[in-house]
Amino acid sequence: ISMEQLVFDLVPPEPPSFASFLPGRNAEALAAITRFASGDASDKCLFLWGAPGTGKTHLLRAAVASAAAHGAAANYVSDPGALVAMDPETLAAHAFVAVDAIGTAGVDAQARLFTLFNALQASGHRFLGAADVAPAMITVREDLRTRLGSCLVYEIVPLADDEKPNALAGYAHRRGFAVPDDVIQYLLTHGRRDMPTLLGALSALDRHSLATRR
């Protein structure tokens, strides 16, 4: 059985959480997002940017789950285009709103996002956004770019290859099991090297070992 068969046959994807995010050089950003989601930060808007595959979506969904766990009405918008069919004022009634992929927003979605951002700020609610580039580089209307640039901004950087073994070992340790170095090297050598697949493989191996008592 291949590693990818283990991932897809034995275990569904884990719900995104802060605990399952491997920070690497993003420790400061992770700490800030954790405080922001729990309501322990004074900031009312936070913006994440970075290349695709760095974990921005994971962090946004984890933040929404954390905000909800702390009693806040929270909403995750995966596609800013969906805002066109939403009432921004109604959405702004949520205490925590996360909008992903802001750089893909069309003209109408940008107008809705601008209204939503202002409504959230006026009500003292929190906004979390993400894009592939920094706010100053996003191709959106100027007034929206200015609003996004006023947020607390963090770049999310990918794990370097030499960081992945320790990150995977640490992830396994937090789940309560140990993974020999040769197993980690096998996964890195013979499987896909993106972190979602690698974490899925470890999770599958954990459950498989429990099921077979090995």
N, C-alpha and C. Protein backbone atom coordinates (compact mmCIF):
# COMPACT_ATOMS: atom_id res chain seq x y z
N ILE A 1 0.85 -1.17 0.00
CA ILE A 1 0.00 0.00 0.00
C ILE A 1 0.89 1.23 0.00
N SER A 2 0.56 2.21 -0.83
CA SER A 2 1.40 3.40 -0.94
C SER A 2 1.06 4.39 0.16
N MET A 3 1.96 5.37 0.32
CA MET A 3 1.73 6.39 1.33
C MET A 3 0.44 7.15 1.05
N GLU A 4 0.19 7.50 -0.23
CA GLU A 4 -1.00 8.27 -0.54
C GLU A 4 -2.25 7.43 -0.33
N GLN A 5 -2.17 6.11 -0.55
CA GLN A 5 -3.32 5.25 -0.24
C GLN A 5 -3.60 5.27 1.25
N LEU A 6 -2.55 5.26 2.07
CA LEU A 6 -2.75 5.37 3.52
C LEU A 6 -3.48 6.65 3.86
N VAL A 7 -3.05 7.74 3.25
CA VAL A 7 -3.65 9.04 3.56
C VAL A 7 -5.13 9.05 3.21
N PHE A 8 -5.47 8.58 2.02
CA PHE A 8 -6.83 8.72 1.56
C PHE A 8 -7.74 7.56 1.99
N ASP A 9 -7.18 6.40 2.26
CA ASP A 9 -8.01 5.26 2.61
C ASP A 9 -8.22 5.11 4.10
N LEU A 10 -7.25 5.50 4.90
CA LEU A 10 -7.33 5.21 6.32
C LEU A 10 -7.82 6.37 7.17
N VAL A 11 -7.68 7.58 6.71
CA VAL A 11 -7.99 8.70 7.58
C VAL A 11 -8.47 9.90 6.76
N PRO A 12 -9.56 10.52 7.20
CA PRO A 12 -9.99 11.76 6.54
C PRO A 12 -9.07 12.90 6.94
N PRO A 13 -9.05 13.97 6.17
CA PRO A 13 -8.22 15.11 6.57
C PRO A 13 -8.63 15.63 7.94
N GLU A 14 -7.64 16.02 8.73
CA GLU A 14 -7.94 16.57 10.04
C GLU A 14 -8.49 17.99 9.91
N PRO A 15 -9.45 18.36 10.75
CA PRO A 15 -9.88 19.76 10.75
C PRO A 15 -8.70 20.66 11.08
N PRO A 16 -8.53 21.75 10.37
CA PRO A 16 -7.39 22.63 10.65
C PRO A 16 -7.44 23.17 12.08
N SER A 17 -6.30 23.17 12.73
CA SER A 17 -6.20 23.71 14.08
C SER A 17 -4.82 24.33 14.23
N PHE A 18 -4.66 25.18 15.23
CA PHE A 18 -3.35 25.76 15.48
C PHE A 18 -2.36 24.68 15.89
N ALA A 19 -2.84 23.66 16.61
CA ALA A 19 -1.96 22.60 17.08
C ALA A 19 -1.36 21.79 15.93
N SER A 20 -2.09 21.69 14.83
CA SER A 20 -1.59 20.89 13.71
C SER A 20 -0.86 21.73 12.66
N PHE A 21 -0.65 23.01 12.95
CA PHE A 21 0.15 23.85 12.05
C PHE A 21 1.60 23.80 12.49
N LEU A 22 2.48 23.48 11.58
CA LEU A 22 3.90 23.40 11.90
C LEU A 22 4.53 24.76 11.61
N PRO A 23 4.90 25.50 12.65
CA PRO A 23 5.25 26.90 12.44
C PRO A 23 6.57 27.17 11.73
N GLY A 24 7.62 26.37 12.01
CA GLY A 24 8.91 26.70 11.41
C GLY A 24 9.31 28.12 11.76
N ARG A 25 9.53 28.94 10.73
CA ARG A 25 9.90 30.34 10.95
C ARG A 25 8.69 31.24 11.16
N ASN A 26 7.51 30.65 11.31
CA ASN A 26 6.28 31.42 11.48
C ASN A 26 5.80 31.43 12.93
N ALA A 27 6.70 31.18 13.87
CA ALA A 27 6.28 31.08 15.27
C ALA A 27 5.66 32.38 15.77
N GLU A 28 6.27 33.50 15.42
CA GLU A 28 5.73 34.79 15.88
C GLU A 28 4.35 35.04 15.28
N ALA A 29 4.19 34.74 14.01
CA ALA A 29 2.89 34.92 13.36
C ALA A 29 1.84 34.01 13.98
N LEU A 30 2.21 32.76 14.23
CA LEU A 30 1.27 31.82 14.83
C LEU A 30 0.82 32.30 16.20
N ALA A 31 1.74 32.80 17.00
CA ALA A 31 1.39 33.30 18.33
C ALA A 31 0.44 34.48 18.21
N ALA A 32 0.69 35.36 17.26
CA ALA A 32 -0.17 36.53 17.08
C ALA A 32 -1.57 36.13 16.63
N ILE A 33 -1.66 35.18 15.70
CA ILE A 33 -2.96 34.74 15.20
C ILE A 33 -3.74 34.03 16.30
N THR A 34 -3.03 33.26 17.12
CA THR A 34 -3.69 32.56 18.22
C THR A 34 -4.31 33.56 19.19
N ARG A 35 -3.56 34.60 19.55
CA ARG A 35 -4.09 35.63 20.44
C ARG A 35 -5.25 36.37 19.78
N PHE A 36 -5.11 36.66 18.51
CA PHE A 36 -6.14 37.39 17.77
C PHE A 36 -7.45 36.60 17.74
N ALA A 37 -7.35 35.31 17.46
CA ALA A 37 -8.56 34.49 17.36
C ALA A 37 -9.26 34.32 18.70
N SER A 38 -8.48 34.28 19.77
CA SER A 38 -9.07 34.07 21.10
C SER A 38 -9.64 35.35 21.69
N GLY A 39 -9.36 36.49 21.04
CA GLY A 39 -9.84 37.76 21.55
C GLY A 39 -8.92 38.41 22.55
N ASP A 40 -7.71 37.87 22.69
CA ASP A 40 -6.75 38.40 23.67
C ASP A 40 -5.87 39.51 23.12
N ALA A 41 -6.05 39.87 21.85
CA ALA A 41 -5.24 40.93 21.24
C ALA A 41 -6.08 42.19 21.10
N SER A 42 -5.44 43.33 21.13
CA SER A 42 -6.14 44.60 20.97
C SER A 42 -6.44 44.90 19.51
N ASP A 43 -5.68 44.30 18.59
CA ASP A 43 -5.89 44.54 17.17
C ASP A 43 -7.24 44.02 16.72
N LYS A 44 -7.85 44.74 15.77
CA LYS A 44 -9.14 44.34 15.22
C LYS A 44 -9.06 43.84 13.79
N CYS A 45 -7.88 43.91 13.20
CA CYS A 45 -7.73 43.31 11.87
C CYS A 45 -6.31 42.76 11.72
N LEU A 46 -6.22 41.65 11.05
CA LEU A 46 -4.94 40.97 10.87
C LEU A 46 -4.92 40.41 9.46
N PHE A 47 -3.77 40.49 8.81
CA PHE A 47 -3.65 40.07 7.42
C PHE A 47 -2.45 39.15 7.25
N LEU A 48 -2.68 38.03 6.56
CA LEU A 48 -1.63 37.06 6.27
C LEU A 48 -1.36 37.04 4.77
N TRP A 49 -0.09 36.97 4.42
CA TRP A 49 0.23 36.81 3.01
C TRP A 49 1.40 35.85 2.86
N GLY A 50 1.50 35.25 1.69
CA GLY A 50 2.57 34.30 1.42
C GLY A 50 2.24 33.47 0.19
N ALA A 51 3.21 32.77 -0.29
CA ALA A 51 3.04 31.96 -1.49
C ALA A 51 1.99 30.87 -1.27
N PRO A 52 1.36 30.39 -2.35
CA PRO A 52 0.41 29.28 -2.20
C PRO A 52 1.08 28.07 -1.55
N GLY A 53 0.33 27.38 -0.69
CA GLY A 53 0.84 26.18 -0.04
C GLY A 53 1.58 26.41 1.25
N THR A 54 1.60 27.65 1.73
CA THR A 54 2.33 27.93 2.97
C THR A 54 1.47 27.73 4.21
N GLY A 55 0.16 27.53 4.03
CA GLY A 55 -0.70 27.26 5.19
C GLY A 55 -1.62 28.40 5.58
N LYS A 56 -1.80 29.38 4.71
CA LYS A 56 -2.67 30.51 5.05
C LYS A 56 -4.11 30.07 5.26
N THR A 57 -4.61 29.24 4.36
CA THR A 57 -5.99 28.76 4.50
C THR A 57 -6.15 27.95 5.78
N HIS A 58 -5.17 27.11 6.07
CA HIS A 58 -5.18 26.34 7.32
C HIS A 58 -5.31 27.28 8.51
N LEU A 59 -4.53 28.35 8.54
CA LEU A 59 -4.54 29.27 9.67
C LEU A 59 -5.86 30.03 9.76
N LEU A 60 -6.43 30.44 8.62
CA LEU A 60 -7.71 31.14 8.65
C LEU A 60 -8.81 30.23 9.19
N ARG A 61 -8.85 29.00 8.72
CA ARG A 61 -9.89 28.08 9.20
C ARG A 61 -9.67 27.71 10.66
N ALA A 62 -8.40 27.57 11.06
CA ALA A 62 -8.11 27.29 12.46
C ALA A 62 -8.52 28.47 13.33
N ALA A 63 -8.29 29.69 12.85
CA ALA A 63 -8.65 30.88 13.61
C ALA A 63 -10.16 30.98 13.79
N VAL A 64 -10.92 30.69 12.74
CA VAL A 64 -12.38 30.72 12.85
C VAL A 64 -12.86 29.68 13.86
N ALA A 65 -12.28 28.49 13.81
CA ALA A 65 -12.65 27.44 14.78
C ALA A 65 -12.31 27.87 16.20
N SER A 66 -11.15 28.50 16.37
CA SER A 66 -10.73 28.96 17.69
C SER A 66 -11.64 30.07 18.19
N ALA A 67 -11.96 31.03 17.32
CA ALA A 67 -12.85 32.12 17.71
C ALA A 67 -14.21 31.58 18.14
N ALA A 68 -14.72 30.61 17.38
CA ALA A 68 -16.01 30.01 17.74
C ALA A 68 -15.92 29.27 19.07
N ALA A 69 -14.80 28.59 19.31
CA ALA A 69 -14.62 27.87 20.57
C ALA A 69 -14.56 28.83 21.76
N HIS A 70 -14.17 30.07 21.49
CA HIS A 70 -14.12 31.09 22.55
C HIS A 70 -15.42 31.88 22.63
N GLY A 71 -16.45 31.39 21.95
CA GLY A 71 -17.77 31.98 22.09
C GLY A 71 -18.14 33.05 21.09
N ALA A 72 -17.30 33.28 20.09
CA ALA A 72 -17.60 34.32 19.10
C ALA A 72 -18.34 33.72 17.90
N ALA A 73 -19.28 34.47 17.38
CA ALA A 73 -19.90 34.08 16.11
C ALA A 73 -18.87 34.34 15.02
N ALA A 74 -18.46 33.28 14.33
CA ALA A 74 -17.34 33.38 13.39
C ALA A 74 -17.73 32.82 12.03
N ASN A 75 -17.16 33.39 10.97
CA ASN A 75 -17.50 32.97 9.61
C ASN A 75 -16.24 32.98 8.76
N TYR A 76 -16.05 31.91 7.99
CA TYR A 76 -14.93 31.81 7.05
C TYR A 76 -15.47 31.91 5.63
N VAL A 77 -14.93 32.83 4.84
CA VAL A 77 -15.31 33.00 3.44
C VAL A 77 -14.13 32.58 2.58
N SER A 78 -14.27 31.45 1.91
CA SER A 78 -13.15 30.90 1.14
C SER A 78 -12.92 31.64 -0.17
N ASP A 79 -13.98 32.20 -0.74
CA ASP A 79 -13.90 32.87 -2.03
C ASP A 79 -14.53 34.26 -1.89
N PRO A 80 -13.75 35.32 -2.04
CA PRO A 80 -14.34 36.65 -1.88
C PRO A 80 -15.47 36.92 -2.86
N GLY A 81 -15.50 36.19 -3.97
CA GLY A 81 -16.61 36.35 -4.91
C GLY A 81 -17.95 36.02 -4.29
N ALA A 82 -17.93 35.17 -3.26
CA ALA A 82 -19.18 34.81 -2.59
C ALA A 82 -19.78 35.99 -1.84
N LEU A 83 -18.97 37.01 -1.56
CA LEU A 83 -19.47 38.18 -0.84
C LEU A 83 -20.53 38.93 -1.64
N VAL A 84 -20.50 38.79 -2.97
CA VAL A 84 -21.46 39.50 -3.83
C VAL A 84 -22.89 39.08 -3.50
N ALA A 85 -23.05 37.81 -3.11
CA ALA A 85 -24.39 37.31 -2.80
C ALA A 85 -24.74 37.47 -1.32
N MET A 86 -23.84 38.07 -0.54
CA MET A 86 -24.07 38.24 0.89
C MET A 86 -24.35 39.70 1.21
N ASP A 87 -25.06 39.93 2.30
CA ASP A 87 -25.26 41.28 2.81
C ASP A 87 -24.11 41.60 3.75
N PRO A 88 -23.26 42.55 3.39
CA PRO A 88 -22.11 42.85 4.24
C PRO A 88 -22.49 43.22 5.67
N GLU A 89 -23.58 43.96 5.84
CA GLU A 89 -23.98 44.39 7.18
C GLU A 89 -24.39 43.18 8.03
N THR A 90 -25.06 42.23 7.39
CA THR A 90 -25.45 41.02 8.11
C THR A 90 -24.22 40.20 8.49
N LEU A 91 -23.30 40.06 7.54
CA LEU A 91 -22.07 39.32 7.81
C LEU A 91 -21.25 40.01 8.89
N ALA A 92 -21.28 41.34 8.90
CA ALA A 92 -20.50 42.09 9.88
C ALA A 92 -21.05 41.95 11.29
N ALA A 93 -22.26 41.37 11.42
CA ALA A 93 -22.79 41.11 12.76
C ALA A 93 -22.02 40.00 13.45
N HIS A 94 -21.28 39.22 12.67
CA HIS A 94 -20.41 38.21 13.26
C HIS A 94 -19.25 38.91 13.97
N ALA A 95 -18.84 38.36 15.07
CA ALA A 95 -17.74 38.96 15.83
C ALA A 95 -16.39 38.71 15.18
N PHE A 96 -16.33 37.73 14.28
CA PHE A 96 -15.05 37.34 13.67
C PHE A 96 -15.32 36.86 12.26
N VAL A 97 -14.71 37.53 11.28
CA VAL A 97 -14.89 37.14 9.88
C VAL A 97 -13.52 36.99 9.23
N ALA A 98 -13.30 35.87 8.57
CA ALA A 98 -12.05 35.60 7.85
C ALA A 98 -12.37 35.48 6.36
N VAL A 99 -11.62 36.19 5.54
CA VAL A 99 -11.81 36.16 4.08
C VAL A 99 -10.50 35.74 3.43
N ASP A 100 -10.56 34.66 2.68
CA ASP A 100 -9.37 34.09 2.04
C ASP A 100 -9.25 34.60 0.61
N ALA A 101 -8.06 34.43 0.04
CA ALA A 101 -7.81 34.67 -1.39
C ALA A 101 -8.28 36.05 -1.84
N ILE A 102 -8.00 37.08 -1.07
CA ILE A 102 -8.52 38.41 -1.38
C ILE A 102 -8.01 38.93 -2.72
N GLY A 103 -6.84 38.50 -3.13
CA GLY A 103 -6.30 38.95 -4.41
C GLY A 103 -7.12 38.53 -5.61
N THR A 104 -8.03 37.57 -5.44
CA THR A 104 -8.87 37.12 -6.55
C THR A 104 -10.18 37.86 -6.64
N ALA A 105 -10.42 38.81 -5.74
CA ALA A 105 -11.71 39.50 -5.69
C ALA A 105 -11.92 40.37 -6.93
N GLY A 106 -13.10 40.22 -7.55
CA GLY A 106 -13.47 41.07 -8.66
C GLY A 106 -13.97 42.43 -8.17
N VAL A 107 -14.40 43.26 -9.10
CA VAL A 107 -14.82 44.62 -8.75
C VAL A 107 -15.96 44.62 -7.75
N ASP A 108 -17.00 43.83 -8.01
CA ASP A 108 -18.15 43.80 -7.11
C ASP A 108 -17.78 43.23 -5.74
N ALA A 109 -16.95 42.19 -5.75
CA ALA A 109 -16.52 41.60 -4.47
C ALA A 109 -15.67 42.58 -3.68
N GLN A 110 -14.86 43.38 -4.36
CA GLN A 110 -14.05 44.38 -3.67
C GLN A 110 -14.94 45.42 -2.98
N ALA A 111 -16.01 45.82 -3.65
CA ALA A 111 -16.94 46.78 -3.06
C ALA A 111 -17.59 46.20 -1.81
N ARG A 112 -18.00 44.94 -1.88
CA ARG A 112 -18.61 44.29 -0.72
C ARG A 112 -17.60 44.12 0.41
N LEU A 113 -16.37 43.78 0.05
CA LEU A 113 -15.33 43.59 1.06
C LEU A 113 -15.01 44.92 1.75
N PHE A 114 -14.99 46.00 0.99
CA PHE A 114 -14.75 47.32 1.57
C PHE A 114 -15.84 47.66 2.59
N THR A 115 -17.09 47.43 2.22
CA THR A 115 -18.20 47.69 3.13
C THR A 115 -18.13 46.80 4.36
N LEU A 116 -17.82 45.54 4.14
CA LEU A 116 -17.71 44.59 5.26
C LEU A 116 -16.61 45.02 6.22
N PHE A 117 -15.45 45.36 5.68
CA PHE A 117 -14.33 45.76 6.53
C PHE A 117 -14.71 46.96 7.40
N ASN A 118 -15.30 47.96 6.79
CA ASN A 118 -15.69 49.16 7.54
C ASN A 118 -16.73 48.85 8.60
N ALA A 119 -17.69 47.99 8.26
CA ALA A 119 -18.75 47.65 9.22
C ALA A 119 -18.18 46.88 10.41
N LEU A 120 -17.25 45.98 10.14
CA LEU A 120 -16.62 45.24 11.23
C LEU A 120 -15.84 46.17 12.15
N GLN A 121 -15.09 47.08 11.55
CA GLN A 121 -14.31 48.00 12.36
C GLN A 121 -15.21 48.92 13.18
N ALA A 122 -16.31 49.36 12.60
CA ALA A 122 -17.23 50.26 13.30
C ALA A 122 -17.88 49.58 14.49
N SER A 123 -18.09 48.27 14.38
CA SER A 123 -18.74 47.53 15.47
C SER A 123 -17.74 46.93 16.45
N GLY A 124 -16.45 47.15 16.22
CA GLY A 124 -15.43 46.60 17.11
C GLY A 124 -15.20 45.12 16.92
N HIS A 125 -15.65 44.58 15.77
CA HIS A 125 -15.46 43.17 15.49
C HIS A 125 -14.14 42.96 14.75
N ARG A 126 -13.79 41.68 14.56
CA ARG A 126 -12.46 41.36 14.04
C ARG A 126 -12.51 40.85 12.60
N PHE A 127 -11.50 41.28 11.82
CA PHE A 127 -11.37 40.86 10.43
C PHE A 127 -10.01 40.20 10.24
N LEU A 128 -10.02 39.04 9.60
CA LEU A 128 -8.80 38.31 9.26
C LEU A 128 -8.80 38.06 7.76
N GLY A 129 -7.78 38.51 7.07
CA GLY A 129 -7.71 38.33 5.63
C GLY A 129 -6.44 37.63 5.20
N ALA A 130 -6.43 37.14 3.97
CA ALA A 130 -5.24 36.47 3.43
C ALA A 130 -5.18 36.65 1.92
N ALA A 131 -3.95 36.69 1.43
CA ALA A 131 -3.71 36.77 -0.02
C ALA A 131 -2.31 36.24 -0.29
N ASP A 132 -2.00 36.07 -1.57
CA ASP A 132 -0.69 35.56 -1.94
C ASP A 132 0.39 36.63 -1.89
N VAL A 133 0.00 37.89 -1.84
CA VAL A 133 0.96 38.99 -1.80
C VAL A 133 0.61 39.94 -0.68
N ALA A 134 1.55 40.80 -0.32
CA ALA A 134 1.33 41.76 0.75
C ALA A 134 0.25 42.77 0.35
N PRO A 135 -0.41 43.39 1.33
CA PRO A 135 -1.49 44.33 1.00
C PRO A 135 -1.11 45.39 -0.02
N ALA A 136 0.10 45.91 0.07
CA ALA A 136 0.51 46.98 -0.86
C ALA A 136 0.58 46.50 -2.30
N MET A 137 0.66 45.17 -2.50
CA MET A 137 0.82 44.62 -3.85
C MET A 137 -0.47 44.04 -4.41
N ILE A 138 -1.54 44.02 -3.62
CA ILE A 138 -2.78 43.41 -4.10
C ILE A 138 -3.43 44.31 -5.15
N THR A 139 -3.92 43.69 -6.21
CA THR A 139 -4.60 44.43 -7.27
C THR A 139 -6.07 44.61 -6.89
N VAL A 140 -6.32 45.58 -6.02
CA VAL A 140 -7.68 45.93 -5.62
C VAL A 140 -7.80 47.44 -5.60
N ARG A 141 -9.01 47.95 -5.42
CA ARG A 141 -9.22 49.39 -5.37
C ARG A 141 -8.40 50.00 -4.23
N GLU A 142 -8.00 51.24 -4.43
CA GLU A 142 -7.05 51.87 -3.52
C GLU A 142 -7.58 51.99 -2.10
N ASP A 143 -8.87 52.34 -1.94
CA ASP A 143 -9.39 52.51 -0.58
C ASP A 143 -9.41 51.18 0.17
N LEU A 144 -9.64 50.08 -0.53
CA LEU A 144 -9.60 48.77 0.11
C LEU A 144 -8.17 48.39 0.44
N ARG A 145 -7.24 48.66 -0.47
CA ARG A 145 -5.84 48.36 -0.22
C ARG A 145 -5.35 49.12 1.02
N THR A 146 -5.77 50.35 1.17
CA THR A 146 -5.38 51.14 2.33
C THR A 146 -5.91 50.53 3.62
N ARG A 147 -7.17 50.08 3.59
CA ARG A 147 -7.76 49.45 4.77
C ARG A 147 -6.99 48.19 5.15
N LEU A 148 -6.69 47.36 4.17
CA LEU A 148 -5.97 46.11 4.44
C LEU A 148 -4.56 46.40 4.95
N GLY A 149 -3.94 47.43 4.42
CA GLY A 149 -2.59 47.79 4.85
C GLY A 149 -2.54 48.32 6.28
N SER A 150 -3.69 48.71 6.82
CA SER A 150 -3.73 49.21 8.20
C SER A 150 -3.75 48.07 9.22
N CYS A 151 -3.92 46.86 8.75
CA CYS A 151 -3.98 45.70 9.64
C CYS A 151 -2.58 45.32 10.14
N LEU A 152 -2.56 44.51 11.16
CA LEU A 152 -1.34 43.85 11.57
C LEU A 152 -1.02 42.81 10.50
N VAL A 153 0.14 42.88 9.88
CA VAL A 153 0.46 42.06 8.70
C VAL A 153 1.59 41.09 9.01
N TYR A 154 1.40 39.83 8.60
CA TYR A 154 2.46 38.82 8.73
C TYR A 154 2.62 38.06 7.43
N GLU A 155 3.86 37.85 7.04
CA GLU A 155 4.14 36.95 5.93
C GLU A 155 4.25 35.53 6.48
N ILE A 156 3.61 34.58 5.80
CA ILE A 156 3.71 33.17 6.16
C ILE A 156 4.67 32.52 5.17
N VAL A 157 5.77 31.99 5.69
CA VAL A 157 6.80 31.42 4.83
C VAL A 157 6.77 29.89 4.92
N PRO A 158 7.11 29.20 3.84
CA PRO A 158 7.07 27.74 3.86
C PRO A 158 8.20 27.15 4.70
N LEU A 159 7.98 25.92 5.14
CA LEU A 159 9.05 25.21 5.83
C LEU A 159 10.15 24.86 4.82
N ALA A 160 11.39 25.07 5.23
CA ALA A 160 12.51 24.61 4.41
C ALA A 160 12.61 23.09 4.53
N ASP A 161 13.20 22.44 3.52
CA ASP A 161 13.31 20.98 3.54
C ASP A 161 14.03 20.48 4.78
N ASP A 162 15.06 21.22 5.24
CA ASP A 162 15.80 20.75 6.39
C ASP A 162 15.05 20.97 7.70
N GLU A 163 13.93 21.72 7.65
CA GLU A 163 13.10 21.91 8.84
C GLU A 163 12.02 20.84 8.97
N LYS A 164 11.72 20.16 7.88
CA LYS A 164 10.59 19.24 7.87
C LYS A 164 10.77 18.03 8.79
N PRO A 165 11.96 17.39 8.87
CA PRO A 165 12.08 16.25 9.77
C PRO A 165 11.75 16.59 11.23
N ASN A 166 12.32 17.69 11.74
CA ASN A 166 12.04 18.08 13.12
C ASN A 166 10.58 18.48 13.29
N ALA A 167 10.03 19.14 12.29
CA ALA A 167 8.63 19.55 12.38
C ALA A 167 7.71 18.33 12.42
N LEU A 168 7.99 17.34 11.60
CA LEU A 168 7.17 16.12 11.58
C LEU A 168 7.32 15.34 12.88
N ALA A 169 8.54 15.25 13.39
CA ALA A 169 8.77 14.56 14.66
C ALA A 169 8.02 15.27 15.80
N GLY A 170 8.06 16.61 15.78
CA GLY A 170 7.35 17.37 16.80
C GLY A 170 5.85 17.19 16.71
N TYR A 171 5.33 17.15 15.49
CA TYR A 171 3.90 16.91 15.29
C TYR A 171 3.49 15.55 15.85
N ALA A 172 4.29 14.53 15.55
CA ALA A 172 3.99 13.20 16.07
C ALA A 172 4.05 13.19 17.59
N HIS A 173 5.03 13.86 18.16
CA HIS A 173 5.16 13.91 19.62
C HIS A 173 3.93 14.54 20.26
N ARG A 174 3.41 15.61 19.66
CA ARG A 174 2.23 16.27 20.20
C ARG A 174 1.01 15.37 20.12
N ARG A 175 1.01 14.44 19.15
CA ARG A 175 -0.10 13.49 19.04
C ARG A 175 0.10 12.28 19.95
N GLY A 176 1.26 12.18 20.61
CA GLY A 176 1.48 11.11 21.57
C GLY A 176 2.12 9.86 21.01
N PHE A 177 2.81 9.96 19.88
CA PHE A 177 3.52 8.79 19.38
C PHE A 177 4.86 9.23 18.80
N ALA A 178 5.76 8.28 18.68
CA ALA A 178 7.09 8.57 18.17
C ALA A 178 7.25 7.97 16.78
N VAL A 179 7.96 8.66 15.93
CA VAL A 179 8.22 8.19 14.57
C VAL A 179 9.73 8.08 14.38
N PRO A 180 10.25 6.89 14.09
CA PRO A 180 11.69 6.75 13.88
C PRO A 180 12.18 7.64 12.74
N ASP A 181 13.42 8.05 12.83
CA ASP A 181 13.99 8.93 11.82
C ASP A 181 13.92 8.32 10.43
N ASP A 182 14.11 6.98 10.35
CA ASP A 182 14.11 6.37 9.02
C ASP A 182 12.73 6.41 8.37
N VAL A 183 11.67 6.40 9.20
CA VAL A 183 10.32 6.51 8.65
C VAL A 183 10.10 7.90 8.08
N ILE A 184 10.53 8.91 8.81
CA ILE A 184 10.39 10.28 8.32
C ILE A 184 11.18 10.48 7.03
N GLN A 185 12.40 9.94 6.99
CA GLN A 185 13.20 10.06 5.78
C GLN A 185 12.54 9.33 4.61
N TYR A 186 11.89 8.19 4.90
CA TYR A 186 11.20 7.46 3.84
C TYR A 186 10.07 8.31 3.26
N LEU A 187 9.28 8.94 4.16
CA LEU A 187 8.18 9.77 3.70
C LEU A 187 8.69 10.94 2.85
N LEU A 188 9.78 11.54 3.29
CA LEU A 188 10.32 12.68 2.56
C LEU A 188 10.94 12.28 1.23
N THR A 189 11.44 11.05 1.16
CA THR A 189 12.12 10.60 -0.05
C THR A 189 11.16 10.02 -1.09
N HIS A 190 10.13 9.30 -0.60
CA HIS A 190 9.29 8.54 -1.53
C HIS A 190 7.90 9.12 -1.73
N GLY A 191 7.51 10.12 -0.97
CA GLY A 191 6.17 10.67 -1.11
C GLY A 191 6.20 12.11 -1.56
N ARG A 192 5.04 12.69 -1.71
CA ARG A 192 4.94 14.12 -1.96
C ARG A 192 5.46 14.87 -0.74
N ARG A 193 6.13 15.99 -0.97
CA ARG A 193 6.82 16.68 0.11
C ARG A 193 6.02 17.86 0.68
N ASP A 194 4.79 18.10 0.14
CA ASP A 194 4.00 19.18 0.70
C ASP A 194 3.50 18.77 2.08
N MET A 195 3.38 19.73 2.98
CA MET A 195 3.08 19.43 4.37
C MET A 195 1.71 18.80 4.59
N PRO A 196 0.63 19.20 3.88
CA PRO A 196 -0.65 18.51 4.10
C PRO A 196 -0.56 17.00 3.86
N THR A 197 0.15 16.60 2.78
CA THR A 197 0.29 15.17 2.50
C THR A 197 1.14 14.49 3.56
N LEU A 198 2.24 15.13 3.97
CA LEU A 198 3.12 14.53 4.97
C LEU A 198 2.39 14.38 6.31
N LEU A 199 1.64 15.39 6.72
CA LEU A 199 0.90 15.29 7.98
C LEU A 199 -0.20 14.25 7.87
N GLY A 200 -0.84 14.19 6.72
CA GLY A 200 -1.86 13.17 6.52
C GLY A 200 -1.28 11.77 6.61
N ALA A 201 -0.07 11.59 6.08
CA ALA A 201 0.59 10.30 6.16
C ALA A 201 0.89 9.92 7.61
N LEU A 202 1.40 10.87 8.40
CA LEU A 202 1.68 10.58 9.81
C LEU A 202 0.40 10.25 10.57
N SER A 203 -0.65 10.99 10.29
CA SER A 203 -1.93 10.73 10.96
C SER A 203 -2.45 9.34 10.59
N ALA A 204 -2.31 8.99 9.31
CA ALA A 204 -2.75 7.67 8.86
C ALA A 204 -1.93 6.57 9.50
N LEU A 205 -0.61 6.77 9.59
CA LEU A 205 0.25 5.78 10.21
C LEU A 205 -0.10 5.61 11.70
N ASP A 206 -0.41 6.71 12.35
CA ASP A 206 -0.79 6.66 13.76
C ASP A 206 -2.04 5.82 13.94
N ARG A 207 -3.06 6.10 13.16
CA ARG A 207 -4.32 5.35 13.30
C ARG A 207 -4.16 3.90 12.88
N HIS A 208 -3.36 3.69 11.84
CA HIS A 208 -3.15 2.31 11.38
C HIS A 208 -2.41 1.50 12.44
N SER A 209 -1.43 2.13 13.08
CA SER A 209 -0.68 1.40 14.12
C SER A 209 -1.57 1.09 15.32
N LEU A 210 -2.48 2.02 15.65
CA LEU A 210 -3.42 1.76 16.74
C LEU A 210 -4.36 0.63 16.38
N ALA A 211 -4.83 0.64 15.13
CA ALA A 211 -5.79 -0.39 14.72
C ALA A 211 -5.16 -1.77 14.70
N THR A 212 -3.87 -1.85 14.34
CA THR A 212 -3.18 -3.14 14.25
C THR A 212 -2.36 -3.44 15.50
N ARG A 213 -2.40 -2.49 16.48
CA ARG A 213 -1.65 -2.65 17.73
C ARG A 213 -0.16 -2.88 17.47
N ARG A 214 0.36 -2.14 16.51
CA ARG A 214 1.78 -2.24 16.17
C ARG A 214 2.42 -0.89 16.32
